[in-house]
Amino acid sequence: MRIALSHRHTAALLFIAASAIGTSASAHTGAESHIHNSFLSGFAHPLFGLDHLAAMVAVGLWSALAARSAGRDLLWGPVGFAAMLLVGAVLGLQGVALPAVEPMIAASLLVTGLLVVSRLRVPGLVAALGVGMFAVFHGVAHGYELAGSDSAWLTLAGMLTATVLLHSAGLAAGWALRHRHVWLARAAGAGVAVFGGALLAQMA
């Protein structure tokens, strides 16, 4: 099975994702607004933190660039990240304290950015565990900040929905660029790595 995504297809996917965000944010009012606000607060959280957004898109980019073929190779990284993000968010909502949360988030940007640049291929389970380790810290940070939400599970559902969309955007862009104009994806990865390195330098 082969997937061929043109730049037009990639743009369409990103437009659909953006439209979904806008529709979700404006379509719900009335008696159930508190429910939708809980979902939307979780949904918006990864989108308005550049560190979280960059890491999630970079995981998708790397997975697409490094995959040997379409199929499971594409999904190990995103699935591992999303699963461990949920674990970390639950820990954060419960007030579990982990050390060095912010430095680990910054390190995740440096590492995932370099993975995009290098197109490093590793076994699927290693990819899932590697990015999943960093995802725990992203999730904990989300959990700390969303601890006062009216509905924790709706908030987590919103956060995971946004995470899947960001991974999908990275996958679509990476797959479209992996054979032609791959330098664009690598340049994006370099930008993410520099961003992570700068954050680490500020914390030193």
C-alpha atoms as a PDB file:
ATOM      1  CA  MET A   1       0.000   0.000   0.000  1.00  0.00           C
ATOM      2  CA  ARG A   2       1.359   3.385  -1.015  1.00  0.00           C
ATOM      3  CA  ILE A   3       0.111   6.828  -0.121  1.00  0.00           C
ATOM      4  CA  ALA A   4       0.725   9.721  -2.507  1.00  0.00           C
ATOM      5  CA  LEU A   5      -0.127  13.103  -1.052  1.00  0.00           C
ATOM      6  CA  SER A   6       0.386  16.142  -3.240  1.00  0.00           C
ATOM      7  CA  HIS A   7       1.032  19.573  -1.810  1.00  0.00           C
ATOM      8  CA  ARG A   8      -2.592  20.344  -2.669  1.00  0.00           C
ATOM      9  CA  HIS A   9      -3.758  17.364  -0.607  1.00  0.00           C
ATOM     10  CA  THR A  10      -1.571  18.435   2.290  1.00  0.00           C
ATOM     11  CA  ALA A  11      -2.955  21.954   2.184  1.00  0.00           C
ATOM     12  CA  ALA A  12      -6.476  20.544   2.125  1.00  0.00           C
ATOM     13  CA  LEU A  13      -5.809  18.422   5.207  1.00  0.00           C
ATOM     14  CA  LEU A  14      -4.412  21.391   7.089  1.00  0.00           C
ATOM     15  CA  PHE A  15      -7.400  23.509   6.014  1.00  0.00           C
ATOM     16  CA  ILE A  16      -9.788  20.838   7.297  1.00  0.00           C
ATOM     17  CA  ALA A  17      -7.958  20.753  10.632  1.00  0.00           C
ATOM     18  CA  ALA A  18      -8.108  24.538  10.927  1.00  0.00           C
ATOM     19  CA  SER A  19     -11.787  24.543  10.005  1.00  0.00           C
ATOM     20  CA  ALA A  20     -12.498  21.916  12.648  1.00  0.00           C
ATOM     21  CA  ILE A  21     -10.828  24.105  15.248  1.00  0.00           C
ATOM     22  CA  GLY A  22     -12.857  27.119  14.250  1.00  0.00           C
ATOM     23  CA  THR A  23     -16.127  25.202  14.078  1.00  0.00           C
ATOM     24  CA  SER A  24     -15.577  23.581  17.464  1.00  0.00           C
ATOM     25  CA  ALA A  25     -14.828  26.919  19.051  1.00  0.00           C
ATOM     26  CA  SER A  26     -17.965  28.644  17.753  1.00  0.00           C
ATOM     27  CA  ALA A  27     -20.681  26.026  17.432  1.00  0.00           C
ATOM     28  CA  HIS A  28     -21.646  25.366  21.072  1.00  0.00           C
ATOM     29  CA  THR A  29     -23.672  27.596  23.363  1.00  0.00           C
ATOM     30  CA  GLY A  30     -26.455  27.235  25.904  1.00  0.00           C
ATOM     31  CA  ALA A  31     -27.045  24.800  28.742  1.00  0.00           C
ATOM     32  CA  GLU A  32     -24.179  22.510  27.743  1.00  0.00           C
ATOM     33  CA  SER A  33     -21.625  25.289  27.316  1.00  0.00           C
ATOM     34  CA  HIS A  34     -19.665  24.205  30.405  1.00  0.00           C
ATOM     35  CA  ILE A  35     -19.218  20.754  28.856  1.00  0.00           C
ATOM     36  CA  HIS A  36     -17.967  22.176  25.584  1.00  0.00           C
ATOM     37  CA  ASN A  37     -15.771  24.677  27.401  1.00  0.00           C
ATOM     38  CA  SER A  38     -14.078  21.789  29.199  1.00  0.00           C
ATOM     39  CA  PHE A  39     -13.466  20.034  25.879  1.00  0.00           C
ATOM     40  CA  LEU A  40     -12.306  23.237  24.197  1.00  0.00           C
ATOM     41  CA  SER A  41      -9.948  24.175  27.013  1.00  0.00           C
ATOM     42  CA  GLY A  42      -8.187  20.854  26.527  1.00  0.00           C
ATOM     43  CA  PHE A  43      -8.340  21.166  22.742  1.00  0.00           C
ATOM     44  CA  ALA A  44      -6.805  24.631  22.721  1.00  0.00           C
ATOM     45  CA  HIS A  45      -4.047  23.876  25.197  1.00  0.00           C
ATOM     46  CA  PRO A  46      -1.554  22.217  22.804  1.00  0.00           C
ATOM     47  CA  LEU A  47      -2.346  24.788  20.115  1.00  0.00           C
ATOM     48  CA  PHE A  48      -1.410  27.855  22.142  1.00  0.00           C
ATOM     49  CA  GLY A  49       1.848  26.564  23.567  1.00  0.00           C
ATOM     50  CA  LEU A  50       4.487  26.773  20.840  1.00  0.00           C
ATOM     51  CA  ASP A  51       6.678  24.198  22.573  1.00  0.00           C
ATOM     52  CA  HIS A  52       3.871  21.621  22.683  1.00  0.00           C
ATOM     53  CA  LEU A  53       2.693  22.384  19.141  1.00  0.00           C
ATOM     54  CA  ALA A  54       6.194  22.169  17.671  1.00  0.00           C
ATOM     55  CA  ALA A  55       6.947  18.854  19.379  1.00  0.00           C
ATOM     56  CA  MET A  56       3.723  17.219  18.198  1.00  0.00           C
ATOM     57  CA  VAL A  57       4.123  18.344  14.594  1.00  0.00           C
ATOM     58  CA  ALA A  58       7.796  17.294  14.652  1.00  0.00           C
ATOM     59  CA  VAL A  59       6.876  13.778  15.798  1.00  0.00           C
ATOM     60  CA  GLY A  60       4.556  13.486  12.800  1.00  0.00           C
ATOM     61  CA  LEU A  61       7.179  14.879  10.421  1.00  0.00           C
ATOM     62  CA  TRP A  62       9.851  12.482  11.665  1.00  0.00           C
ATOM     63  CA  SER A  63       7.530   9.490  11.493  1.00  0.00           C
ATOM     64  CA  ALA A  64       6.682  10.248   7.860  1.00  0.00           C
ATOM     65  CA  LEU A  65      10.251  10.998   6.791  1.00  0.00           C
ATOM     66  CA  ALA A  66      11.750   7.931   8.472  1.00  0.00           C
ATOM     67  CA  ALA A  67       9.028   5.394   7.597  1.00  0.00           C
ATOM     68  CA  ARG A  68      10.058   2.673   5.174  1.00  0.00           C
ATOM     69  CA  SER A  69       6.511   2.439   3.833  1.00  0.00           C
ATOM     70  CA  ALA A  70       2.969   3.498   4.559  1.00  0.00           C
ATOM     71  CA  GLY A  71       1.299   1.611   7.384  1.00  0.00           C
ATOM     72  CA  ARG A  72       2.443   0.822  10.904  1.00  0.00           C
ATOM     73  CA  ASP A  73       5.808   2.511  10.393  1.00  0.00           C
ATOM     74  CA  LEU A  74       3.974   5.829  10.260  1.00  0.00           C
ATOM     75  CA  LEU A  75       2.098   5.340  13.496  1.00  0.00           C
ATOM     76  CA  TRP A  76       4.549   4.111  16.135  1.00  0.00           C
ATOM     77  CA  GLY A  77       5.789   7.572  17.070  1.00  0.00           C
ATOM     78  CA  PRO A  78       2.440   9.418  17.081  1.00  0.00           C
ATOM     79  CA  VAL A  79       0.623   6.631  18.923  1.00  0.00           C
ATOM     80  CA  GLY A  80       3.398   6.333  21.506  1.00  0.00           C
ATOM     81  CA  PHE A  81       3.431  10.084  22.038  1.00  0.00           C
ATOM     82  CA  ALA A  82      -0.360  10.388  22.357  1.00  0.00           C
ATOM     83  CA  ALA A  83      -0.625   7.429  24.737  1.00  0.00           C
ATOM     84  CA  MET A  84       2.105   8.637  27.066  1.00  0.00           C
ATOM     85  CA  LEU A  85       0.827  12.218  26.855  1.00  0.00           C
ATOM     86  CA  LEU A  86      -2.428  10.919  28.314  1.00  0.00           C
ATOM     87  CA  VAL A  87      -0.541   9.102  31.080  1.00  0.00           C
ATOM     88  CA  GLY A  88       1.374  12.257  31.921  1.00  0.00           C
ATOM     89  CA  ALA A  89      -1.772  14.408  31.880  1.00  0.00           C
ATOM     90  CA  VAL A  90      -3.500  12.083  34.332  1.00  0.00           C
ATOM     91  CA  LEU A  91      -0.455  12.294  36.607  1.00  0.00           C
ATOM     92  CA  GLY A  92      -0.526  16.079  36.374  1.00  0.00           C
ATOM     93  CA  LEU A  93      -4.240  16.273  37.108  1.00  0.00           C
ATOM     94  CA  GLN A  94      -3.593  14.169  40.212  1.00  0.00           C
ATOM     95  CA  GLY A  95      -0.853  16.553  41.326  1.00  0.00           C
ATOM     96  CA  VAL A  96       1.998  14.062  40.919  1.00  0.00           C
ATOM     97  CA  ALA A  97       5.262  16.014  40.904  1.00  0.00           C
ATOM     98  CA  LEU A  98       7.933  15.089  38.362  1.00  0.00           C
ATOM     99  CA  PRO A  99      11.365  16.728  38.317  1.00  0.00           C
ATOM    100  CA  ALA A 100      12.679  18.859  35.447  1.00  0.00           C
ATOM    101  CA  VAL A 101       9.389  19.088  33.547  1.00  0.00           C
ATOM    102  CA  GLU A 102      10.259  22.244  31.603  1.00  0.00           C
ATOM    103  CA  PRO A 103      13.842  21.169  30.760  1.00  0.00           C
ATOM    104  CA  MET A 104      12.551  17.812  29.503  1.00  0.00           C
ATOM    105  CA  ILE A 105       9.988  19.564  27.291  1.00  0.00           C
ATOM    106  CA  ALA A 106      12.765  21.744  25.867  1.00  0.00           C
ATOM    107  CA  ALA A 107      14.954  18.660  25.386  1.00  0.00           C
ATOM    108  CA  SER A 108      12.109  16.973  23.513  1.00  0.00           C
ATOM    109  CA  LEU A 109      12.155  19.810  20.980  1.00  0.00           C
ATOM    110  CA  LEU A 110      15.903  19.504  20.510  1.00  0.00           C
ATOM    111  CA  VAL A 111      15.731  15.727  20.072  1.00  0.00           C
ATOM    112  CA  THR A 112      12.657  15.538  17.825  1.00  0.00           C
ATOM    113  CA  GLY A 113      13.986  18.377  15.691  1.00  0.00           C
ATOM    114  CA  LEU A 114      17.263  16.501  15.184  1.00  0.00           C
ATOM    115  CA  LEU A 115      15.325  13.327  14.375  1.00  0.00           C
ATOM    116  CA  VAL A 116      13.516  15.197  11.603  1.00  0.00           C
ATOM    117  CA  VAL A 117      16.795  16.566  10.237  1.00  0.00           C
ATOM    118  CA  SER A 118      18.539  13.175  10.327  1.00  0.00           C
ATOM    119  CA  ARG A 119      15.520  11.066   9.265  1.00  0.00           C
ATOM    120  CA  LEU A 120      16.857   8.503  11.727  1.00  0.00           C
ATOM    121  CA  ARG A 121      15.182   5.105  11.405  1.00  0.00           C
ATOM    122  CA  VAL A 122      14.700   3.053  14.552  1.00  0.00           C
ATOM    123  CA  PRO A 123      12.507   0.041  15.385  1.00  0.00           C
ATOM    124  CA  GLY A 124       8.878   0.981  15.915  1.00  0.00           C
ATOM    125  CA  LEU A 125       8.796   0.172  19.615  1.00  0.00           C
ATOM    126  CA  VAL A 126      11.946   2.219  20.202  1.00  0.00           C
ATOM    127  CA  ALA A 127      10.326   5.163  18.411  1.00  0.00           C
ATOM    128  CA  ALA A 128       7.177   4.872  20.517  1.00  0.00           C
ATOM    129  CA  LEU A 129       9.076   4.598  23.803  1.00  0.00           C
ATOM    130  CA  GLY A 130      11.545   7.337  22.908  1.00  0.00           C
ATOM    131  CA  VAL A 131       9.022  10.024  22.047  1.00  0.00           C
ATOM    132  CA  GLY A 132       6.666   8.622  24.685  1.00  0.00           C
ATOM    133  CA  MET A 133       9.196   9.355  27.420  1.00  0.00           C
ATOM    134  CA  PHE A 134       9.180  13.024  26.446  1.00  0.00           C
ATOM    135  CA  ALA A 135       5.404  13.009  26.002  1.00  0.00           C
ATOM    136  CA  VAL A 136       4.945  12.172  29.683  1.00  0.00           C
ATOM    137  CA  PHE A 137       6.455  15.542  30.587  1.00  0.00           C
ATOM    138  CA  HIS A 138       4.305  17.381  28.043  1.00  0.00           C
ATOM    139  CA  GLY A 139       1.274  15.648  29.536  1.00  0.00           C
ATOM    140  CA  VAL A 140       2.238  16.461  33.112  1.00  0.00           C
ATOM    141  CA  ALA A 141       2.602  20.133  32.194  1.00  0.00           C
ATOM    142  CA  HIS A 142      -0.870  20.093  30.625  1.00  0.00           C
ATOM    143  CA  GLY A 143      -2.280  18.291  33.649  1.00  0.00           C
ATOM    144  CA  TYR A 144      -0.892  20.840  36.101  1.00  0.00           C
ATOM    145  CA  GLU A 145      -2.432  23.725  34.180  1.00  0.00           C
ATOM    146  CA  LEU A 146      -5.793  22.040  33.546  1.00  0.00           C
ATOM    147  CA  ALA A 147      -6.259  20.705  37.078  1.00  0.00           C
ATOM    148  CA  GLY A 148      -9.088  23.149  37.807  1.00  0.00           C
ATOM    149  CA  SER A 149     -11.204  22.066  34.846  1.00  0.00           C
ATOM    150  CA  ASP A 150     -14.874  21.230  35.467  1.00  0.00           C
ATOM    151  CA  SER A 151     -14.541  17.895  33.698  1.00  0.00           C
ATOM    152  CA  ALA A 152     -11.099  16.326  33.600  1.00  0.00           C
ATOM    153  CA  TRP A 153     -12.015  13.594  31.125  1.00  0.00           C
ATOM    154  CA  LEU A 154     -13.614  15.984  28.646  1.00  0.00           C
ATOM    155  CA  THR A 155     -10.559  18.184  28.960  1.00  0.00           C
ATOM    156  CA  LEU A 156      -8.286  15.221  28.255  1.00  0.00           C
ATOM    157  CA  ALA A 157     -10.448  14.239  25.279  1.00  0.00           C
ATOM    158  CA  GLY A 158     -10.039  17.723  23.836  1.00  0.00           C
ATOM    159  CA  MET A 159      -6.290  17.644  24.398  1.00  0.00           C
ATOM    160  CA  LEU A 160      -5.942  14.258  22.691  1.00  0.00           C
ATOM    161  CA  THR A 161      -8.069  15.410  19.755  1.00  0.00           C
ATOM    162  CA  ALA A 162      -5.774  18.382  19.181  1.00  0.00           C
ATOM    163  CA  THR A 163      -2.727  16.137  19.576  1.00  0.00           C
ATOM    164  CA  VAL A 164      -4.001  13.737  16.910  1.00  0.00           C
ATOM    165  CA  LEU A 165      -4.668  16.650  14.537  1.00  0.00           C
ATOM    166  CA  LEU A 166      -1.167  18.033  15.059  1.00  0.00           C
ATOM    167  CA  HIS A 167       0.420  14.612  14.540  1.00  0.00           C
ATOM    168  CA  SER A 168      -1.708  14.177  11.408  1.00  0.00           C
ATOM    169  CA  ALA A 169      -0.612  17.555  10.065  1.00  0.00           C
ATOM    170  CA  GLY A 170       3.025  16.577  10.580  1.00  0.00           C
ATOM    171  CA  LEU A 171       2.493  13.167   8.984  1.00  0.00           C
ATOM    172  CA  ALA A 172       0.741  14.652   5.958  1.00  0.00           C
ATOM    173  CA  ALA A 173       3.378  17.321   5.432  1.00  0.00           C
ATOM    174  CA  GLY A 174       6.251  14.890   5.956  1.00  0.00           C
ATOM    175  CA  TRP A 175       4.819  12.308   3.570  1.00  0.00           C
ATOM    176  CA  ALA A 176       4.224  14.947   0.897  1.00  0.00           C
ATOM    177  CA  LEU A 177       7.799  16.237   1.224  1.00  0.00           C
ATOM    178  CA  ARG A 178       9.760  13.018   1.784  1.00  0.00           C
ATOM    179  CA  HIS A 179      10.667  12.472  -1.884  1.00  0.00           C
ATOM    180  CA  ARG A 180      10.603  16.031  -3.215  1.00  0.00           C
ATOM    181  CA  HIS A 181      11.547  19.192  -1.348  1.00  0.00           C
ATOM    182  CA  VAL A 182      12.557  17.167   1.698  1.00  0.00           C
ATOM    183  CA  TRP A 183      14.802  20.088   2.617  1.00  0.00           C
ATOM    184  CA  LEU A 184      11.686  21.988   3.677  1.00  0.00           C
ATOM    185  CA  ALA A 185      10.854  19.363   6.284  1.00  0.00           C
ATOM    186  CA  ARG A 186      14.474  19.221   7.422  1.00  0.00           C
ATOM    187  CA  ALA A 187      14.572  23.002   7.710  1.00  0.00           C
ATOM    188  CA  ALA A 188      11.473  22.855   9.894  1.00  0.00           C
ATOM    189  CA  GLY A 189      13.151  20.194  12.020  1.00  0.00           C
ATOM    190  CA  ALA A 190      16.246  22.348  12.354  1.00  0.00           C
ATOM    191  CA  GLY A 191      14.061  25.227  13.503  1.00  0.00           C
ATOM    192  CA  VAL A 192      12.445  23.040  16.156  1.00  0.00           C
ATOM    193  CA  ALA A 193      15.862  21.837  17.340  1.00  0.00           C
ATOM    194  CA  VAL A 194      17.196  25.398  17.572  1.00  0.00           C
ATOM    195  CA  PHE A 195      14.079  26.431  19.477  1.00  0.00           C
ATOM    196  CA  GLY A 196      14.597  23.598  21.957  1.00  0.00           C
ATOM    197  CA  GLY A 197      18.273  24.399  22.332  1.00  0.00           C
ATOM    198  CA  ALA A 198      17.487  28.055  22.983  1.00  0.00           C
ATOM    199  CA  LEU A 199      14.967  27.121  25.670  1.00  0.00           C
ATOM    200  CA  LEU A 200      17.521  24.858  27.343  1.00  0.00           C
ATOM    201  CA  ALA A 201      20.128  27.625  27.230  1.00  0.00           C
ATOM    202  CA  GLN A 202      17.713  30.008  28.934  1.00  0.00           C
ATOM    203  CA  MET A 203      17.173  27.493  31.729  1.00  0.00           C
ATOM    204  CA  ALA A 204      20.875  26.843  32.302  1.00  0.00           C
END
